[in-house]
């Protein structure tokens, strides 16, 4: 076992006040120290192996430089909650988000801990200023999609196999005509072989959105999925833009945060939504090693994502409610000028649980509905119309009792809302 230099160990512990405003990335972890280490020792080793890469001073190093670059342990306690401060110099401008992610997660691969959870991070202005962040954000997406205040209503187009382009085109047209604001490719719907390949479907769905815009006088948008390698994603983004798509879907977690930033930098001024599907490998609570969905959301926001999937209430995704840490990360903690990002609720949302999502995610949410509209008992057009009626009626600031009362009043005058609530088994969650 390598021994920490006693001079370095003595200088390693500082208070948070001592580093405030001095350009340190501060990361909070929950760790379970490995056998033979105290919490303080595990924290110290996790920090030093990341910032200095060796406990032993190499012949060509001087101790003053090591002390300057090693960072600090700001706090630790018996529960395993620790805070580490990394100097901004650990990440150059050219290294970017890939380097930040490696730094905050790096020590999990060493034997100092049995559990290593990245809870949150505070990014200093020195690092935030290197990133443009969302090009559109909440206000820009609202302007682009033509919706001023209410939640945005979208319809997810799927499956990627087993359906024809004609079938999905009709469903898309009906949904937009009924009141949906946008149609969006499914998370796995990138470039399958056959009838629904990227080059075949993108022109068709773009034209449908343009057609319904002309027919209804309301802005309608098609959002195309380009979640592939950074090199290919740039090409797909260009095709989507040229064909008239109004937005792009990526998977920042799968593509990598550095690649995500590169794609967004070349995204041709289109709003970008990230799904981060698959990050549950790391973000599920109550596992020994992982990372908070809030940290993932902050990294995506730094990369320039305008909207982020943050979980869905009352759906088959893990967790009974939308994810709090990711929601908080959409609008806070990244300087004073970086735009906020939209929250996205995607999946099997129905009119029976749509208010639950608005209530937990807030007004600035993009609802991406699939079966709740496409399989609506009276058809997608009526399903979209019923959804639209509900989201225009129920504000997220209502308490559950008042929301239930308004929903019942709406069902009394709108036959499709009444039918949908019965069909999808609506039950008020709280005692009224």
Protein backbone atom coordinates (compact mmCIF):
# COMPACT_ATOMS: atom_id res chain seq x y z
CA UNK A 1 0.00 0.00 0.00
CA UNK A 2 1.46 3.37 -1.02
CA UNK A 3 1.88 5.84 1.83
CA UNK A 4 0.60 9.40 1.52
CA UNK A 5 3.30 12.00 2.02
CA UNK A 6 2.68 13.36 5.55
CA UNK A 7 3.31 16.96 4.42
CA UNK A 8 0.70 16.61 1.69
CA UNK A 9 -1.74 14.85 4.01
CA UNK A 10 -1.46 17.65 6.57
CA UNK A 11 -2.20 20.31 3.94
CA UNK A 12 -5.00 18.33 2.33
CA UNK A 13 -7.86 19.31 4.66
CA UNK A 14 -9.51 22.72 4.31
CA UNK A 15 -12.86 24.29 5.08
CA UNK A 16 -15.28 25.19 2.31
CA UNK A 17 -14.98 28.86 3.18
CA UNK A 18 -11.24 28.74 2.46
CA UNK A 19 -11.78 27.75 -1.19
CA UNK A 20 -14.95 29.75 -1.89
CA UNK A 21 -14.61 31.89 -5.01
CA UNK A 22 -11.18 30.49 -5.87
CA UNK A 23 -12.12 28.40 -8.90
CA UNK A 24 -12.55 24.94 -7.37
CA UNK A 25 -14.97 22.32 -8.65
CA UNK A 26 -16.62 21.05 -5.47
CA UNK A 27 -18.09 17.56 -5.61
CA UNK A 28 -20.13 15.88 -2.89
CA UNK A 29 -19.97 12.09 -2.58
CA UNK A 30 -21.45 9.37 -0.42
CA UNK A 31 -18.83 6.69 0.10
CA UNK A 32 -18.44 3.46 2.02
CA UNK A 33 -14.81 3.19 2.97
CA UNK A 34 -13.03 -0.07 2.26
CA UNK A 35 -11.66 -2.23 5.06
CA UNK A 36 -8.48 -0.76 6.53
CA UNK A 37 -9.34 2.87 5.72
CA UNK A 38 -11.10 5.57 7.68
CA UNK A 39 -13.56 7.86 5.86
CA UNK A 40 -10.93 10.63 5.92
CA UNK A 41 -8.24 8.36 4.45
CA UNK A 42 -10.56 7.05 1.74
CA UNK A 43 -11.53 10.63 0.83
CA UNK A 44 -7.90 11.76 0.76
CA UNK A 45 -6.79 8.87 -1.43
CA UNK A 46 -9.72 9.32 -3.81
CA UNK A 47 -8.77 12.96 -4.30
CA UNK A 48 -5.01 12.50 -4.61
CA UNK A 49 -5.15 9.61 -7.08
CA UNK A 50 -7.28 11.82 -9.33
CA UNK A 51 -5.41 15.11 -9.09
CA UNK A 52 -1.80 13.97 -8.65
CA UNK A 53 -2.05 10.42 -10.10
CA UNK A 54 0.66 9.16 -7.72
CA UNK A 55 1.22 9.26 -3.98
CA UNK A 56 4.96 9.15 -4.54
CA UNK A 57 6.61 12.36 -5.68
CA UNK A 58 8.35 11.64 -8.97
CA UNK A 59 11.96 12.78 -9.53
CA UNK A 60 10.92 15.59 -11.89
CA UNK A 61 8.14 16.93 -9.63
CA UNK A 62 8.53 19.56 -6.96
CA UNK A 63 6.42 19.51 -3.81
CA UNK A 64 5.18 23.09 -4.20
CA UNK A 65 3.51 22.18 -7.51
CA UNK A 66 1.98 19.07 -5.98
CA UNK A 67 0.55 21.03 -3.07
CA UNK A 68 -0.94 23.56 -5.48
CA UNK A 69 -2.59 20.98 -7.72
CA UNK A 70 -3.76 18.33 -5.26
CA UNK A 71 -7.07 19.94 -4.28
CA UNK A 72 -8.68 19.63 -0.86
CA UNK A 73 -10.90 17.48 1.30
CA UNK A 74 -13.47 20.00 2.53
CA UNK A 75 -15.54 17.79 4.79
CA UNK A 76 -16.22 14.21 5.83
CA UNK A 77 -18.36 12.52 8.44
CA UNK A 78 -19.16 9.11 9.86
CA UNK A 79 -22.02 8.60 7.38
CA UNK A 80 -19.54 8.65 4.49
CA UNK A 81 -20.61 12.00 3.08
CA UNK A 82 -17.53 13.82 1.81
CA UNK A 83 -16.81 16.96 -0.21
CA UNK A 84 -13.76 17.20 -2.46
CA UNK A 85 -12.45 20.34 -4.16
CA UNK A 86 -10.69 19.97 -7.50
CA UNK A 87 -8.64 22.90 -8.85
CA UNK A 88 -9.90 24.26 -12.18
CA UNK A 89 -6.45 23.57 -13.65
CA UNK A 90 -7.23 19.83 -13.68
CA UNK A 91 -9.28 20.51 -16.83
CA UNK A 92 -8.03 22.64 -19.71
CA UNK A 93 -10.31 24.34 -22.22
CA UNK A 94 -9.50 21.75 -24.87
CA UNK A 95 -10.17 18.77 -22.56
CA UNK A 96 -13.71 19.83 -21.74
CA UNK A 97 -16.57 17.80 -20.27
CA UNK A 98 -14.93 14.44 -20.85
CA UNK A 99 -12.17 15.43 -18.45
CA UNK A 100 -14.64 16.73 -15.84
CA UNK A 101 -16.61 13.48 -15.91
CA UNK A 102 -13.45 11.38 -15.64
CA UNK A 103 -12.27 13.44 -12.69
CA UNK A 104 -15.46 13.26 -10.63
CA UNK A 105 -15.97 9.52 -11.28
CA UNK A 106 -12.38 8.32 -11.58
CA UNK A 107 -11.67 7.09 -8.04
CA UNK A 108 -14.48 4.52 -8.12
CA UNK A 109 -12.06 2.20 -9.91
CA UNK A 110 -9.67 2.07 -6.94
CA UNK A 111 -9.88 -0.03 -3.81
CA UNK A 112 -10.31 2.76 -1.25
CA UNK A 113 -14.09 2.44 -1.19
CA UNK A 114 -16.75 -0.26 -1.30
CA UNK A 115 -19.38 2.28 -2.29
CA UNK A 116 -18.88 5.46 -4.31
CA UNK A 117 -21.86 7.66 -5.16
CA UNK A 118 -21.44 11.07 -6.87
CA UNK A 119 -24.15 13.15 -5.19
CA UNK A 120 -23.75 16.69 -6.57
CA UNK A 121 -21.26 19.17 -7.92
CA UNK A 122 -20.79 22.93 -7.74
CA UNK A 123 -19.16 24.23 -10.91
CA UNK A 124 -17.09 27.43 -10.50
CA UNK A 125 -17.59 30.36 -12.84
CA UNK A 126 -14.10 29.77 -14.22
CA UNK A 127 -15.31 26.45 -15.68
CA UNK A 128 -18.89 27.52 -16.48
CA UNK A 129 -17.61 30.41 -18.60
CA UNK A 130 -15.97 27.93 -21.01
CA UNK A 131 -19.36 26.58 -22.07
CA UNK A 132 -22.10 28.28 -24.00
CA UNK A 133 -24.76 26.07 -22.46
CA UNK A 134 -28.27 25.78 -23.95
CA UNK A 135 -28.67 27.83 -27.14
CA UNK A 136 -32.45 27.91 -26.72
CA UNK A 137 -33.33 26.87 -23.19
CA UNK A 138 -36.85 27.24 -21.84
CA UNK A 139 -37.60 30.62 -23.39
CA UNK A 140 -36.07 29.73 -26.76
CA UNK A 141 -37.94 26.43 -27.06
CA UNK A 142 -41.20 28.15 -26.21
CA UNK A 143 -40.58 30.70 -28.95
CA UNK A 144 -39.49 28.07 -31.47
CA UNK A 145 -42.46 25.79 -30.71
CA UNK A 146 -44.95 28.66 -30.47
CA UNK A 147 -46.19 27.94 -26.92
CA UNK A 148 -45.92 30.77 -24.41
CA UNK A 149 -46.77 29.38 -20.98
CA UNK A 150 -48.42 25.95 -20.76
CA UNK A 151 -46.66 22.57 -20.89
CA UNK A 152 -45.77 21.43 -24.42
CA UNK A 153 -47.60 18.39 -25.75
CA UNK A 154 -45.71 15.94 -27.96
CA UNK A 155 -46.29 12.48 -29.41
CA UNK A 156 -43.54 9.85 -29.56
CA UNK A 157 -43.42 7.96 -32.87
CA UNK A 158 -42.77 4.24 -32.52
CA UNK A 159 -42.09 1.36 -32.98
CA UNK A 160 -38.97 1.33 -35.14
CA UNK A 161 -39.96 -2.01 -36.68
CA UNK A 162 -43.31 -3.65 -37.34
CA UNK A 163 -45.11 -0.50 -38.52
CA UNK A 164 -45.19 1.17 -41.91
CA UNK A 165 -44.25 4.74 -42.69
CA UNK A 166 -47.84 5.28 -43.86
CA UNK A 167 -49.24 4.08 -40.52
CA UNK A 168 -47.00 6.34 -38.48
CA UNK A 169 -47.59 9.26 -40.85
CA UNK A 170 -51.34 9.03 -40.35
CA UNK A 171 -50.92 8.80 -36.58
CA UNK A 172 -48.60 11.80 -36.63
CA UNK A 173 -51.02 13.84 -38.74
CA UNK A 174 -53.99 12.99 -36.53
CA UNK A 175 -52.11 13.77 -33.33
CA UNK A 176 -50.91 17.16 -34.54
CA UNK A 177 -54.34 18.01 -35.92
CA UNK A 178 -55.90 17.15 -32.56
CA UNK A 179 -53.70 19.59 -30.64
CA UNK A 180 -50.24 18.11 -30.12
CA UNK A 181 -47.47 20.67 -30.52
CA UNK A 182 -44.80 18.34 -31.83
CA UNK A 183 -43.99 14.81 -32.93
CA UNK A 184 -40.70 13.20 -31.91
CA UNK A 185 -38.79 10.06 -32.84
CA UNK A 186 -38.62 7.39 -30.16
CA UNK A 187 -35.43 6.98 -28.11
CA UNK A 188 -34.32 3.93 -30.16
CA UNK A 189 -35.65 5.26 -33.45
CA UNK A 190 -32.46 6.44 -35.20
CA UNK A 191 -31.77 4.83 -38.57
CA UNK A 192 -33.31 1.36 -38.90
CA UNK A 193 -33.24 -0.47 -42.19
CA UNK A 194 -36.22 -0.26 -44.50
CA UNK A 195 -39.27 1.95 -44.69
CA UNK A 196 -38.51 3.93 -41.52
CA UNK A 197 -34.88 4.74 -42.22
CA UNK A 198 -33.72 8.25 -41.36
CA UNK A 199 -33.53 9.41 -44.97
CA UNK A 200 -37.05 8.16 -45.74
CA UNK A 201 -39.01 9.22 -42.67
CA UNK A 202 -37.48 12.64 -41.88
CA UNK A 203 -38.78 14.37 -45.05
CA UNK A 204 -42.22 12.83 -44.53
CA UNK A 205 -42.63 13.78 -40.87
CA UNK A 206 -41.21 17.26 -41.47
CA UNK A 207 -43.75 17.88 -44.22
CA UNK A 208 -46.59 16.61 -42.01
CA UNK A 209 -45.65 19.13 -39.32
CA UNK A 210 -45.51 21.90 -41.92
CA UNK A 211 -48.85 20.85 -43.40
CA UNK A 212 -50.70 20.86 -40.07
CA UNK A 213 -49.11 24.21 -39.22
CA UNK A 214 -50.73 25.64 -42.38
CA UNK A 215 -54.07 23.94 -41.72
CA UNK A 216 -54.44 24.89 -38.05
CA UNK A 217 -52.54 28.16 -37.82
CA UNK A 218 -50.60 26.70 -34.86
CA UNK A 219 -46.88 25.99 -35.00
CA UNK A 220 -46.18 22.25 -35.26
CA UNK A 221 -42.70 20.75 -35.03
CA UNK A 222 -40.97 17.50 -35.87
CA UNK A 223 -37.99 16.45 -33.71
CA UNK A 224 -35.61 13.93 -35.29
CA UNK A 225 -33.43 11.41 -33.42
CA UNK A 226 -29.71 11.59 -34.28
CA UNK A 227 -28.40 9.49 -31.35
CA UNK A 228 -25.41 7.82 -32.94
CA UNK A 229 -21.66 8.47 -33.11
CA UNK A 230 -20.64 12.13 -33.09
CA UNK A 231 -19.33 11.88 -36.66
CA UNK A 232 -22.55 10.41 -38.02
CA UNK A 233 -24.80 12.52 -35.79
CA UNK A 234 -23.44 15.68 -37.44
CA UNK A 235 -24.43 14.31 -40.85
CA UNK A 236 -27.91 13.35 -39.66
CA UNK A 237 -28.38 16.79 -38.08
CA UNK A 238 -27.62 18.42 -41.43
CA UNK A 239 -30.14 16.19 -43.21
CA UNK A 240 -32.79 16.92 -40.57
CA UNK A 241 -32.23 20.67 -40.80
CA UNK A 242 -32.35 20.69 -44.60
CA UNK A 243 -35.57 18.66 -44.62
CA UNK A 244 -37.31 21.05 -42.22
CA UNK A 245 -37.08 19.32 -38.83
CA UNK A 246 -37.44 21.74 -35.94
CA UNK A 247 -35.42 19.92 -33.29
CA UNK A 248 -33.04 17.06 -32.55
CA UNK A 249 -32.95 14.16 -30.08
CA UNK A 250 -29.62 12.87 -28.74
CA UNK A 251 -28.52 10.52 -25.97
CA UNK A 252 -25.82 12.43 -24.11
CA UNK A 253 -25.13 9.59 -21.70
CA UNK A 254 -24.53 7.00 -24.43
CA UNK A 255 -22.73 9.38 -26.81
CA UNK A 256 -20.46 10.86 -24.14
CA UNK A 257 -20.55 14.42 -22.84
CA UNK A 258 -17.62 15.63 -24.91
CA UNK A 259 -19.10 14.20 -28.10
CA UNK A 260 -22.47 15.64 -27.13
CA UNK A 261 -20.95 19.10 -26.87
CA UNK A 262 -19.30 18.74 -30.29
CA UNK A 263 -22.59 17.70 -31.90
CA UNK A 264 -24.49 20.58 -30.32
CA UNK A 265 -21.82 23.05 -31.41
CA UNK A 266 -22.57 21.90 -34.97
CA UNK A 267 -26.33 21.44 -34.54
CA UNK A 268 -27.25 24.21 -36.97
CA UNK A 269 -29.28 26.25 -34.49
CA UNK A 270 -31.88 23.59 -33.70
CA UNK A 271 -33.15 22.88 -30.17
CA UNK A 272 -31.60 19.71 -28.74
CA UNK A 273 -33.28 17.24 -26.36
CA UNK A 274 -31.30 14.54 -24.58
CA UNK A 275 -32.86 11.30 -23.39
CA UNK A 276 -29.88 9.89 -21.42
CA UNK A 277 -31.63 6.53 -21.66
CA UNK A 278 -29.44 3.88 -20.07
CA UNK A 279 -28.06 6.12 -17.34
CA UNK A 280 -30.06 4.08 -14.86
CA UNK A 281 -27.00 1.81 -14.85
CA UNK A 282 -25.43 4.58 -12.77
CA UNK A 283 -28.25 6.76 -11.45
CA UNK A 284 -30.60 4.31 -9.75
CA UNK A 285 -30.72 5.19 -6.05
CA UNK A 286 -29.62 2.79 -3.32
CA UNK A 287 -26.85 1.11 -5.27
CA UNK A 288 -23.28 1.21 -3.94
CA UNK A 289 -21.64 2.86 -6.95
CA UNK A 290 -23.23 5.49 -9.15
CA UNK A 291 -23.91 9.11 -9.89
CA UNK A 292 -26.87 11.38 -9.25
CA UNK A 293 -29.15 12.17 -12.17
CA UNK A 294 -28.61 15.80 -11.16
CA UNK A 295 -24.90 15.61 -12.01
CA UNK A 296 -25.72 14.00 -15.37
CA UNK A 297 -28.21 16.81 -16.04
CA UNK A 298 -25.67 19.50 -15.16
CA UNK A 299 -23.08 18.00 -17.52
CA UNK A 300 -25.68 17.86 -20.30
CA UNK A 301 -26.67 21.46 -19.64
CA UNK A 302 -23.04 22.57 -19.82
CA UNK A 303 -22.79 20.71 -23.14
CA UNK A 304 -25.65 22.84 -24.47
CA UNK A 305 -28.74 20.65 -24.19
CA UNK A 306 -32.01 22.60 -24.25
CA UNK A 307 -34.27 19.91 -22.75
CA UNK A 308 -33.50 16.86 -20.62
CA UNK A 309 -35.49 13.73 -19.83
CA UNK A 310 -35.90 13.82 -16.06
CA UNK A 311 -38.20 10.92 -15.29
CA UNK A 312 -41.92 10.33 -15.51
CA UNK A 313 -44.47 9.98 -12.74
CA UNK A 314 -46.87 7.03 -12.78
CA UNK A 315 -45.07 5.19 -15.56
CA UNK A 316 -43.02 2.04 -15.98
CA UNK A 317 -39.72 3.90 -15.60
CA UNK A 318 -37.99 3.21 -12.30
CA UNK A 319 -39.00 5.37 -9.37
CA UNK A 320 -42.56 6.32 -8.42
CA UNK A 321 -42.07 10.03 -9.09
CA UNK A 322 -40.07 12.22 -11.42
CA UNK A 323 -36.45 12.59 -10.38
CA UNK A 324 -35.86 15.53 -8.05
CA UNK A 325 -32.09 16.04 -8.50
CA UNK A 326 -32.34 16.30 -12.28
CA UNK A 327 -35.21 18.77 -12.07
CA UNK A 328 -33.25 21.01 -9.72
CA UNK A 329 -30.25 20.86 -12.05
CA UNK A 330 -32.22 22.26 -14.99
CA UNK A 331 -32.33 25.78 -13.65
CA UNK A 332 -29.71 26.23 -10.93
CA UNK A 333 -26.10 25.81 -10.00
CA UNK A 334 -24.39 26.88 -13.25
CA UNK A 335 -23.52 30.54 -13.04
CA UNK A 336 -25.90 33.46 -13.33
CA UNK A 337 -26.40 33.67 -17.09
CA UNK A 338 -26.64 30.11 -18.40
CA UNK A 339 -30.11 29.40 -19.78
CA UNK A 340 -32.45 26.96 -18.04
CA UNK A 341 -33.29 23.68 -19.74
CA UNK A 342 -36.76 22.20 -20.22
CA UNK A 343 -37.80 19.06 -18.36
CA UNK A 344 -39.08 16.20 -20.51
CA UNK A 345 -41.53 13.49 -19.39
CA UNK A 346 -41.56 10.64 -21.89
CA UNK A 347 -43.33 7.33 -22.11
CA UNK A 348 -46.71 5.88 -21.32
CA UNK A 349 -48.21 9.07 -19.91
CA UNK A 350 -52.01 9.07 -20.12
CA UNK A 351 -54.66 11.62 -19.32
CA UNK A 352 -55.17 9.72 -16.06
CA UNK A 353 -51.70 10.72 -14.81
CA UNK A 354 -50.77 13.77 -16.90
CA UNK A 355 -51.44 16.16 -14.02
CA UNK A 356 -49.13 14.12 -11.75
CA UNK A 357 -46.30 14.89 -14.16
CA UNK A 358 -47.16 18.56 -14.48
CA UNK A 359 -47.38 18.79 -10.69
CA UNK A 360 -44.00 17.14 -10.09
CA UNK A 361 -42.09 18.56 -13.08
CA UNK A 362 -43.60 22.05 -13.23
CA UNK A 363 -44.98 24.20 -16.00
CA UNK A 364 -41.82 24.08 -18.08
CA UNK A 365 -42.22 20.47 -19.17
CA UNK A 366 -42.38 18.80 -22.56
CA UNK A 367 -44.82 15.90 -22.36
CA UNK A 368 -43.83 13.20 -24.83
CA UNK A 369 -46.82 10.87 -24.97
CA UNK A 370 -47.09 7.61 -26.92
CA UNK A 371 -49.83 5.06 -26.25
CA UNK A 372 -51.81 7.59 -24.24
CA UNK A 373 -52.58 9.34 -27.54
CA UNK A 374 -51.82 6.84 -30.29
CA UNK A 375 -53.94 4.14 -28.60
CA UNK A 376 -56.67 6.45 -27.32
CA UNK A 377 -60.05 4.66 -27.58
CA UNK A 378 -61.51 7.22 -30.02
CA UNK A 379 -58.28 7.66 -31.99
CA UNK A 380 -55.14 9.82 -31.86
CA UNK A 381 -56.87 13.04 -32.89
CA UNK A 382 -59.36 12.87 -30.04
CA UNK A 383 -56.64 11.66 -27.68
CA UNK A 384 -54.45 14.67 -28.46
CA UNK A 385 -57.47 16.95 -28.10
CA UNK A 386 -58.30 15.49 -24.68
CA UNK A 387 -54.69 15.91 -23.51
CA UNK A 388 -54.62 19.47 -24.75
CA UNK A 389 -57.85 20.29 -22.90
CA UNK A 390 -56.40 18.96 -19.66
CA UNK A 391 -53.05 20.74 -19.81
CA UNK A 392 -54.78 24.01 -20.68
CA UNK A 393 -57.11 23.59 -17.71
CA UNK A 394 -54.87 22.26 -14.93
CA UNK A 395 -52.02 24.43 -13.69
CA UNK A 396 -49.11 22.89 -11.81
CA UNK A 397 -49.65 25.22 -8.84
CA UNK A 398 -53.04 23.67 -8.06
CA UNK A 399 -53.19 21.46 -5.01
CA UNK A 400 -54.28 17.86 -5.66
CA UNK A 401 -57.81 18.44 -4.38
CA UNK A 402 -58.43 21.47 -6.62
CA UNK A 403 -56.86 19.71 -9.60
CA UNK A 404 -59.16 16.73 -9.12
CA UNK A 405 -62.19 19.04 -8.90
CA UNK A 406 -61.26 20.85 -12.13
CA UNK A 407 -60.62 17.54 -13.87
CA UNK A 408 -64.05 16.26 -12.89
CA UNK A 409 -65.66 19.48 -14.12
CA UNK A 410 -63.83 19.12 -17.44
CA UNK A 411 -64.92 15.49 -17.76
CA UNK A 412 -68.49 16.64 -17.27
CA UNK A 413 -68.33 18.78 -20.41
CA UNK A 414 -65.81 16.88 -22.55
CA UNK A 415 -66.84 13.35 -23.54
CA UNK A 416 -63.34 12.33 -24.68
CA UNK A 417 -61.79 13.41 -21.39
CA UNK A 418 -64.44 11.45 -19.50
CA UNK A 419 -63.92 8.38 -21.67
CA UNK A 420 -60.15 8.58 -21.35
CA UNK A 421 -60.21 8.92 -17.57
CA UNK A 422 -62.40 5.84 -17.32
CA UNK A 423 -60.42 3.88 -19.92
CA UNK A 424 -57.05 4.55 -18.28
CA UNK A 425 -58.33 4.02 -14.74
CA UNK A 426 -57.94 7.49 -13.25
CA UNK A 427 -57.68 7.53 -9.47
CA UNK A 428 -56.94 10.66 -7.41
CA UNK A 429 -53.78 9.94 -5.42
CA UNK A 430 -54.55 11.88 -2.27
CA UNK A 431 -57.54 11.84 0.05
CA UNK A 432 -59.93 14.59 -0.96
